[in-house]
């Protein structure tokens, strides 16, 4: 069996591929710069608790990199559907936090917008809105 990298051809494939690329970029950022990422997320680990850096590196960074790479390397509609659905649920969680926790700062709106954009890009391709 020969494996080749499926390069996007249509505009819809490029949109879905771009969402996967941004997901990988976020994962790489969190994996290799967890302190800065936590600061941007408004979370600060205690200086003496360096073991807390395992969580963002492994769960956020590793998962985002793995999911994004799987979407890029396999380029299958169902994987793009899963990527879009995951980002949509992330946006839903952000909206719940904004409504129930009162987290309505600019940062919350920016993360909601980012999540919605990264959800719409692959979903527009999979649902046939963009060919």
N, C-alpha and C. Protein backbone atom coordinates (compact mmCIF):
# COMPACT_ATOMS: atom_id res chain seq x y z
N UNK A 1 0.84 -1.18 0.00
CA UNK A 1 0.00 0.00 0.00
C UNK A 1 0.88 1.23 0.00
N UNK A 2 0.59 2.13 -0.90
CA UNK A 2 1.37 3.36 -1.01
C UNK A 2 0.59 4.50 -0.38
N UNK A 3 1.31 5.30 0.41
CA UNK A 3 0.67 6.43 1.07
C UNK A 3 1.22 7.71 0.46
N UNK A 4 0.35 8.59 0.07
CA UNK A 4 0.78 9.88 -0.45
C UNK A 4 0.00 10.98 0.27
N UNK A 5 0.61 12.12 0.36
CA UNK A 5 -0.03 13.25 1.02
C UNK A 5 -1.10 13.82 0.11
N UNK A 6 -2.37 13.79 0.53
CA UNK A 6 -3.45 14.30 -0.33
C UNK A 6 -3.50 15.83 -0.28
N UNK A 7 -2.98 16.46 -1.29
CA UNK A 7 -2.96 17.92 -1.36
C UNK A 7 -4.35 18.43 -1.73
N UNK A 8 -4.88 19.47 -1.05
CA UNK A 8 -6.22 19.99 -1.36
C UNK A 8 -6.28 20.52 -2.79
N UNK A 9 -7.41 20.30 -3.43
CA UNK A 9 -7.56 20.73 -4.81
C UNK A 9 -8.65 21.80 -4.92
N UNK A 10 -9.81 21.53 -4.34
CA UNK A 10 -10.93 22.47 -4.47
C UNK A 10 -10.88 23.52 -3.35
N UNK A 11 -11.70 24.54 -3.53
CA UNK A 11 -11.76 25.59 -2.52
C UNK A 11 -12.28 25.05 -1.19
N UNK A 12 -13.24 24.17 -1.23
CA UNK A 12 -13.76 23.57 -0.01
C UNK A 12 -12.71 22.75 0.72
N UNK A 13 -11.92 21.98 -0.04
CA UNK A 13 -10.85 21.21 0.59
C UNK A 13 -9.82 22.13 1.23
N UNK A 14 -9.54 23.25 0.58
CA UNK A 14 -8.59 24.21 1.15
C UNK A 14 -9.12 24.79 2.46
N UNK A 15 -10.42 25.06 2.53
CA UNK A 15 -10.99 25.59 3.77
C UNK A 15 -10.86 24.59 4.90
N UNK A 16 -11.22 23.33 4.62
CA UNK A 16 -11.11 22.29 5.65
C UNK A 16 -9.66 22.05 6.04
N UNK A 17 -8.78 22.03 5.05
CA UNK A 17 -7.35 21.84 5.29
C UNK A 17 -6.79 22.99 6.13
N UNK A 18 -7.24 24.19 5.87
CA UNK A 18 -6.79 25.36 6.64
C UNK A 18 -7.21 25.27 8.10
N UNK A 19 -8.42 24.79 8.35
CA UNK A 19 -8.86 24.60 9.74
C UNK A 19 -7.99 23.57 10.44
N UNK A 20 -7.62 22.51 9.73
CA UNK A 20 -6.72 21.51 10.31
C UNK A 20 -5.34 22.11 10.56
N UNK A 21 -4.86 22.95 9.65
CA UNK A 21 -3.54 23.58 9.82
C UNK A 21 -3.54 24.52 11.03
N UNK A 22 -4.59 25.30 11.21
CA UNK A 22 -4.67 26.19 12.37
C UNK A 22 -4.76 25.37 13.66
N UNK A 23 -5.47 24.26 13.61
CA UNK A 23 -5.56 23.38 14.78
C UNK A 23 -4.18 22.85 15.14
N UNK A 24 -3.41 22.44 14.14
CA UNK A 24 -2.04 21.98 14.39
C UNK A 24 -1.19 23.11 14.95
N UNK A 25 -1.31 24.30 14.38
CA UNK A 25 -0.53 25.45 14.87
C UNK A 25 -0.84 25.75 16.33
N UNK A 26 -2.12 25.73 16.70
CA UNK A 26 -2.49 25.96 18.11
C UNK A 26 -1.89 24.86 18.98
N UNK A 27 -1.96 23.62 18.52
CA UNK A 27 -1.39 22.52 19.27
C UNK A 27 0.12 22.65 19.45
N UNK A 28 0.82 23.03 18.40
CA UNK A 28 2.28 23.23 18.50
C UNK A 28 2.61 24.36 19.46
N UNK A 29 1.83 25.43 19.38
CA UNK A 29 2.05 26.57 20.28
C UNK A 29 1.89 26.15 21.74
N UNK A 30 0.83 25.41 22.03
CA UNK A 30 0.58 24.99 23.41
C UNK A 30 1.62 23.95 23.85
N UNK A 31 2.02 23.06 22.94
CA UNK A 31 2.96 22.02 23.33
C UNK A 31 4.35 22.58 23.63
N UNK A 32 4.80 23.51 22.82
CA UNK A 32 6.17 24.00 22.98
C UNK A 32 6.29 25.30 23.76
N UNK A 33 5.19 25.99 24.00
CA UNK A 33 5.20 27.20 24.81
C UNK A 33 4.03 27.18 25.79
N UNK A 34 3.98 26.18 26.68
CA UNK A 34 2.79 26.05 27.53
C UNK A 34 2.61 27.20 28.52
N UNK A 35 3.70 27.76 29.03
CA UNK A 35 3.55 28.87 29.98
C UNK A 35 2.93 30.09 29.30
N UNK A 36 3.40 30.41 28.10
CA UNK A 36 2.83 31.54 27.36
C UNK A 36 1.38 31.25 26.97
N UNK A 37 1.10 30.01 26.56
CA UNK A 37 -0.28 29.64 26.21
C UNK A 37 -1.19 29.76 27.42
N UNK A 38 -0.74 29.28 28.56
CA UNK A 38 -1.56 29.40 29.77
C UNK A 38 -1.78 30.86 30.15
N UNK A 39 -0.78 31.67 29.95
CA UNK A 39 -0.92 33.10 30.24
C UNK A 39 -1.96 33.72 29.29
N UNK A 40 -1.94 33.32 28.02
CA UNK A 40 -2.93 33.82 27.07
C UNK A 40 -4.33 33.31 27.39
N UNK A 41 -4.42 32.09 27.94
CA UNK A 41 -5.70 31.52 28.35
C UNK A 41 -6.15 32.06 29.71
N UNK A 42 -5.38 32.97 30.28
CA UNK A 42 -5.65 33.56 31.60
C UNK A 42 -5.53 32.53 32.73
N UNK A 43 -4.65 31.56 32.55
CA UNK A 43 -4.37 30.56 33.58
C UNK A 43 -2.89 30.64 33.91
N UNK A 44 -2.56 30.57 35.19
CA UNK A 44 -1.17 30.64 35.60
C UNK A 44 -0.85 29.49 36.53
N UNK A 45 0.07 28.61 36.14
CA UNK A 45 0.49 27.58 37.10
C UNK A 45 1.43 28.20 38.12
N UNK A 46 1.39 27.68 39.33
CA UNK A 46 2.33 28.15 40.35
C UNK A 46 3.74 27.80 39.91
N UNK A 47 4.69 28.67 40.20
CA UNK A 47 6.07 28.47 39.76
C UNK A 47 6.65 27.15 40.26
N UNK A 48 6.28 26.74 41.45
CA UNK A 48 6.82 25.50 42.00
C UNK A 48 6.06 24.27 41.53
N UNK A 49 5.01 24.42 40.78
CA UNK A 49 4.19 23.30 40.31
C UNK A 49 4.39 23.08 38.81
N UNK A 50 5.60 22.75 38.40
CA UNK A 50 5.89 22.58 36.98
C UNK A 50 5.21 21.34 36.40
N UNK A 51 4.80 20.40 37.25
CA UNK A 51 4.11 19.22 36.72
C UNK A 51 2.76 19.56 36.12
N UNK A 52 2.26 20.76 36.41
CA UNK A 52 0.99 21.17 35.82
C UNK A 52 1.12 21.43 34.31
N UNK A 53 2.33 21.61 33.84
CA UNK A 53 2.54 21.84 32.41
C UNK A 53 2.30 20.59 31.57
N UNK A 54 2.18 19.44 32.22
CA UNK A 54 1.89 18.20 31.51
C UNK A 54 0.51 18.28 30.86
N UNK A 55 -0.45 18.84 31.54
CA UNK A 55 -1.83 18.86 31.05
C UNK A 55 -1.95 19.65 29.74
N UNK A 56 -1.49 20.91 29.68
CA UNK A 56 -1.65 21.60 28.39
C UNK A 56 -0.82 20.96 27.27
N UNK A 57 0.39 20.49 27.59
CA UNK A 57 1.21 19.87 26.54
C UNK A 57 0.55 18.61 25.99
N UNK A 58 0.09 17.76 26.87
CA UNK A 58 -0.44 16.47 26.44
C UNK A 58 -1.87 16.57 25.93
N UNK A 59 -2.76 17.15 26.72
CA UNK A 59 -4.17 17.13 26.38
C UNK A 59 -4.51 18.16 25.30
N UNK A 60 -4.05 19.38 25.46
CA UNK A 60 -4.37 20.39 24.46
C UNK A 60 -3.43 20.27 23.27
N UNK A 61 -2.14 20.39 23.51
CA UNK A 61 -1.17 20.36 22.42
C UNK A 61 -1.17 19.07 21.65
N UNK A 62 -1.01 17.96 22.34
CA UNK A 62 -0.95 16.67 21.67
C UNK A 62 -2.22 16.31 20.93
N UNK A 63 -3.35 16.57 21.55
CA UNK A 63 -4.62 16.24 20.91
C UNK A 63 -4.85 17.09 19.67
N UNK A 64 -4.59 18.38 19.76
CA UNK A 64 -4.79 19.26 18.61
C UNK A 64 -3.86 18.88 17.47
N UNK A 65 -2.60 18.60 17.79
CA UNK A 65 -1.65 18.20 16.75
C UNK A 65 -2.09 16.89 16.10
N UNK A 66 -2.44 15.91 16.92
CA UNK A 66 -2.85 14.62 16.39
C UNK A 66 -4.11 14.70 15.55
N UNK A 67 -5.09 15.43 16.02
CA UNK A 67 -6.35 15.56 15.29
C UNK A 67 -6.13 16.31 13.98
N UNK A 68 -5.38 17.41 14.05
CA UNK A 68 -5.11 18.18 12.84
C UNK A 68 -4.32 17.40 11.81
N UNK A 69 -3.30 16.66 12.27
CA UNK A 69 -2.50 15.84 11.35
C UNK A 69 -3.34 14.73 10.72
N UNK A 70 -4.19 14.10 11.52
CA UNK A 70 -5.05 13.06 10.97
C UNK A 70 -5.97 13.63 9.89
N UNK A 71 -6.51 14.81 10.15
CA UNK A 71 -7.39 15.44 9.15
C UNK A 71 -6.62 15.79 7.88
N UNK A 72 -5.40 16.30 8.04
CA UNK A 72 -4.61 16.68 6.87
C UNK A 72 -4.11 15.46 6.09
N UNK A 73 -3.64 14.46 6.80
CA UNK A 73 -3.03 13.30 6.14
C UNK A 73 -4.06 12.38 5.49
N UNK A 74 -5.23 12.26 6.09
CA UNK A 74 -6.24 11.36 5.54
C UNK A 74 -7.21 12.07 4.61
N UNK A 75 -7.48 13.36 4.89
CA UNK A 75 -8.34 14.20 4.04
C UNK A 75 -9.67 13.51 3.70
N UNK A 76 -10.31 12.94 4.69
CA UNK A 76 -11.59 12.27 4.50
C UNK A 76 -12.72 13.16 5.02
N UNK A 77 -13.85 13.17 4.35
CA UNK A 77 -14.95 14.03 4.79
C UNK A 77 -15.39 13.78 6.23
N UNK A 78 -15.42 12.52 6.67
CA UNK A 78 -15.87 12.26 8.04
C UNK A 78 -14.88 12.79 9.07
N UNK A 79 -13.61 12.81 8.74
CA UNK A 79 -12.62 13.37 9.68
C UNK A 79 -12.77 14.89 9.72
N UNK A 80 -13.00 15.51 8.56
CA UNK A 80 -13.27 16.95 8.55
C UNK A 80 -14.57 17.26 9.28
N UNK A 81 -15.55 16.37 9.16
CA UNK A 81 -16.80 16.54 9.91
C UNK A 81 -16.53 16.49 11.41
N UNK A 82 -15.71 15.55 11.84
CA UNK A 82 -15.37 15.45 13.26
C UNK A 82 -14.60 16.68 13.73
N UNK A 83 -13.70 17.19 12.89
CA UNK A 83 -12.94 18.39 13.25
C UNK A 83 -13.88 19.59 13.40
N UNK A 84 -14.77 19.76 12.45
CA UNK A 84 -15.74 20.86 12.53
C UNK A 84 -16.67 20.72 13.72
N UNK A 85 -17.12 19.50 13.97
CA UNK A 85 -18.01 19.27 15.11
C UNK A 85 -17.30 19.55 16.43
N UNK A 86 -16.02 19.16 16.52
CA UNK A 86 -15.26 19.41 17.74
C UNK A 86 -15.12 20.91 18.00
N UNK A 87 -14.81 21.67 16.96
CA UNK A 87 -14.70 23.11 17.13
C UNK A 87 -16.07 23.74 17.42
N UNK A 88 -17.13 23.19 16.85
CA UNK A 88 -18.48 23.71 17.14
C UNK A 88 -18.85 23.47 18.60
N UNK A 89 -18.53 22.30 19.13
CA UNK A 89 -18.80 22.03 20.54
C UNK A 89 -17.94 22.92 21.42
N UNK A 90 -16.72 23.21 20.97
CA UNK A 90 -15.87 24.14 21.70
C UNK A 90 -16.51 25.53 21.76
N UNK A 91 -17.06 25.97 20.64
CA UNK A 91 -17.77 27.26 20.61
C UNK A 91 -19.00 27.23 21.50
N UNK A 92 -19.71 26.11 21.52
CA UNK A 92 -20.87 25.96 22.39
C UNK A 92 -20.46 26.06 23.86
N UNK A 93 -19.36 25.42 24.21
CA UNK A 93 -18.86 25.51 25.59
C UNK A 93 -18.48 26.92 25.95
N UNK A 94 -17.91 27.64 25.01
CA UNK A 94 -17.56 29.05 25.25
C UNK A 94 -18.83 29.88 25.46
N UNK A 95 -19.85 29.62 24.65
CA UNK A 95 -21.11 30.35 24.80
C UNK A 95 -21.77 30.04 26.14
N UNK A 96 -21.73 28.78 26.55
CA UNK A 96 -22.30 28.41 27.86
C UNK A 96 -21.57 29.15 28.96
N UNK A 97 -20.24 29.21 28.87
CA UNK A 97 -19.47 29.91 29.89
C UNK A 97 -19.80 31.39 29.91
N UNK A 98 -19.99 31.97 28.73
CA UNK A 98 -20.31 33.39 28.67
C UNK A 98 -21.69 33.66 29.28
N UNK A 99 -22.64 32.76 29.06
CA UNK A 99 -23.99 32.96 29.57
C UNK A 99 -24.13 32.61 31.05
N UNK A 100 -23.55 31.51 31.47
CA UNK A 100 -23.76 31.07 32.85
C UNK A 100 -22.71 31.59 33.83
N UNK A 101 -21.48 31.79 33.37
CA UNK A 101 -20.42 32.24 34.27
C UNK A 101 -20.18 33.74 34.19
N UNK A 102 -20.78 34.39 33.22
CA UNK A 102 -20.58 35.82 33.06
C UNK A 102 -19.24 36.18 32.46
N UNK A 103 -18.60 35.24 31.76
CA UNK A 103 -17.29 35.47 31.17
C UNK A 103 -17.47 36.17 29.83
N UNK A 104 -17.72 37.47 29.88
CA UNK A 104 -18.01 38.22 28.66
C UNK A 104 -16.91 39.21 28.30
N UNK A 105 -15.69 38.88 28.67
CA UNK A 105 -14.56 39.75 28.34
C UNK A 105 -14.26 39.63 26.84
N UNK A 106 -13.45 40.54 26.34
CA UNK A 106 -13.05 40.53 24.93
C UNK A 106 -12.41 39.20 24.56
N UNK A 107 -11.61 38.65 25.46
CA UNK A 107 -10.96 37.37 25.22
C UNK A 107 -11.98 36.26 24.96
N UNK A 108 -13.07 36.25 25.70
CA UNK A 108 -14.11 35.24 25.51
C UNK A 108 -14.75 35.37 24.14
N UNK A 109 -15.01 36.60 23.72
CA UNK A 109 -15.60 36.81 22.40
C UNK A 109 -14.63 36.40 21.29
N UNK A 110 -13.35 36.68 21.46
CA UNK A 110 -12.36 36.29 20.46
C UNK A 110 -12.24 34.78 20.35
N UNK A 111 -12.24 34.09 21.49
CA UNK A 111 -12.16 32.63 21.44
C UNK A 111 -13.42 32.04 20.83
N UNK A 112 -14.58 32.62 21.13
CA UNK A 112 -15.83 32.16 20.52
C UNK A 112 -15.77 32.34 19.01
N UNK A 113 -15.30 33.49 18.55
CA UNK A 113 -15.19 33.76 17.12
C UNK A 113 -14.21 32.79 16.45
N UNK A 114 -13.05 32.57 17.06
CA UNK A 114 -12.07 31.63 16.52
C UNK A 114 -12.67 30.23 16.42
N UNK A 115 -13.34 29.79 17.46
CA UNK A 115 -13.95 28.46 17.46
C UNK A 115 -15.01 28.34 16.38
N UNK A 116 -15.82 29.36 16.21
CA UNK A 116 -16.87 29.33 15.18
C UNK A 116 -16.27 29.29 13.78
N UNK A 117 -15.23 30.08 13.54
CA UNK A 117 -14.59 30.07 12.22
C UNK A 117 -13.98 28.71 11.93
N UNK A 118 -13.27 28.15 12.93
CA UNK A 118 -12.65 26.84 12.72
C UNK A 118 -13.68 25.72 12.64
N UNK A 119 -14.88 25.94 13.11
CA UNK A 119 -15.95 24.96 12.94
C UNK A 119 -16.58 25.08 11.56
N UNK A 120 -16.80 26.31 11.12
CA UNK A 120 -17.49 26.53 9.85
C UNK A 120 -16.64 26.09 8.65
N UNK A 121 -15.34 26.30 8.70
CA UNK A 121 -14.49 25.98 7.53
C UNK A 121 -14.62 24.52 7.09
N UNK A 122 -14.37 23.54 7.97
CA UNK A 122 -14.53 22.16 7.50
C UNK A 122 -15.99 21.75 7.31
N UNK A 123 -16.89 22.29 8.12
CA UNK A 123 -18.30 21.91 7.99
C UNK A 123 -18.91 22.42 6.68
N UNK A 124 -18.48 23.60 6.23
CA UNK A 124 -18.97 24.13 4.96
C UNK A 124 -18.58 23.21 3.81
N UNK A 125 -17.38 22.66 3.88
CA UNK A 125 -16.93 21.72 2.84
C UNK A 125 -17.70 20.41 2.92
N UNK A 126 -17.80 19.85 4.12
CA UNK A 126 -18.43 18.54 4.28
C UNK A 126 -19.92 18.61 3.95
N UNK A 127 -20.57 19.67 4.33
CA UNK A 127 -22.01 19.80 4.09
C UNK A 127 -22.34 20.22 2.65
N UNK A 128 -21.33 20.51 1.87
CA UNK A 128 -21.54 20.84 0.46
C UNK A 128 -21.85 22.28 0.17
N UNK A 129 -21.64 23.18 1.12
CA UNK A 129 -21.88 24.60 0.88
C UNK A 129 -20.79 25.21 0.01
N UNK A 130 -19.59 24.64 0.09
CA UNK A 130 -18.45 25.08 -0.71
C UNK A 130 -17.89 23.85 -1.41
N UNK A 131 -17.76 23.92 -2.71
CA UNK A 131 -17.26 22.76 -3.46
C UNK A 131 -15.75 22.70 -3.48
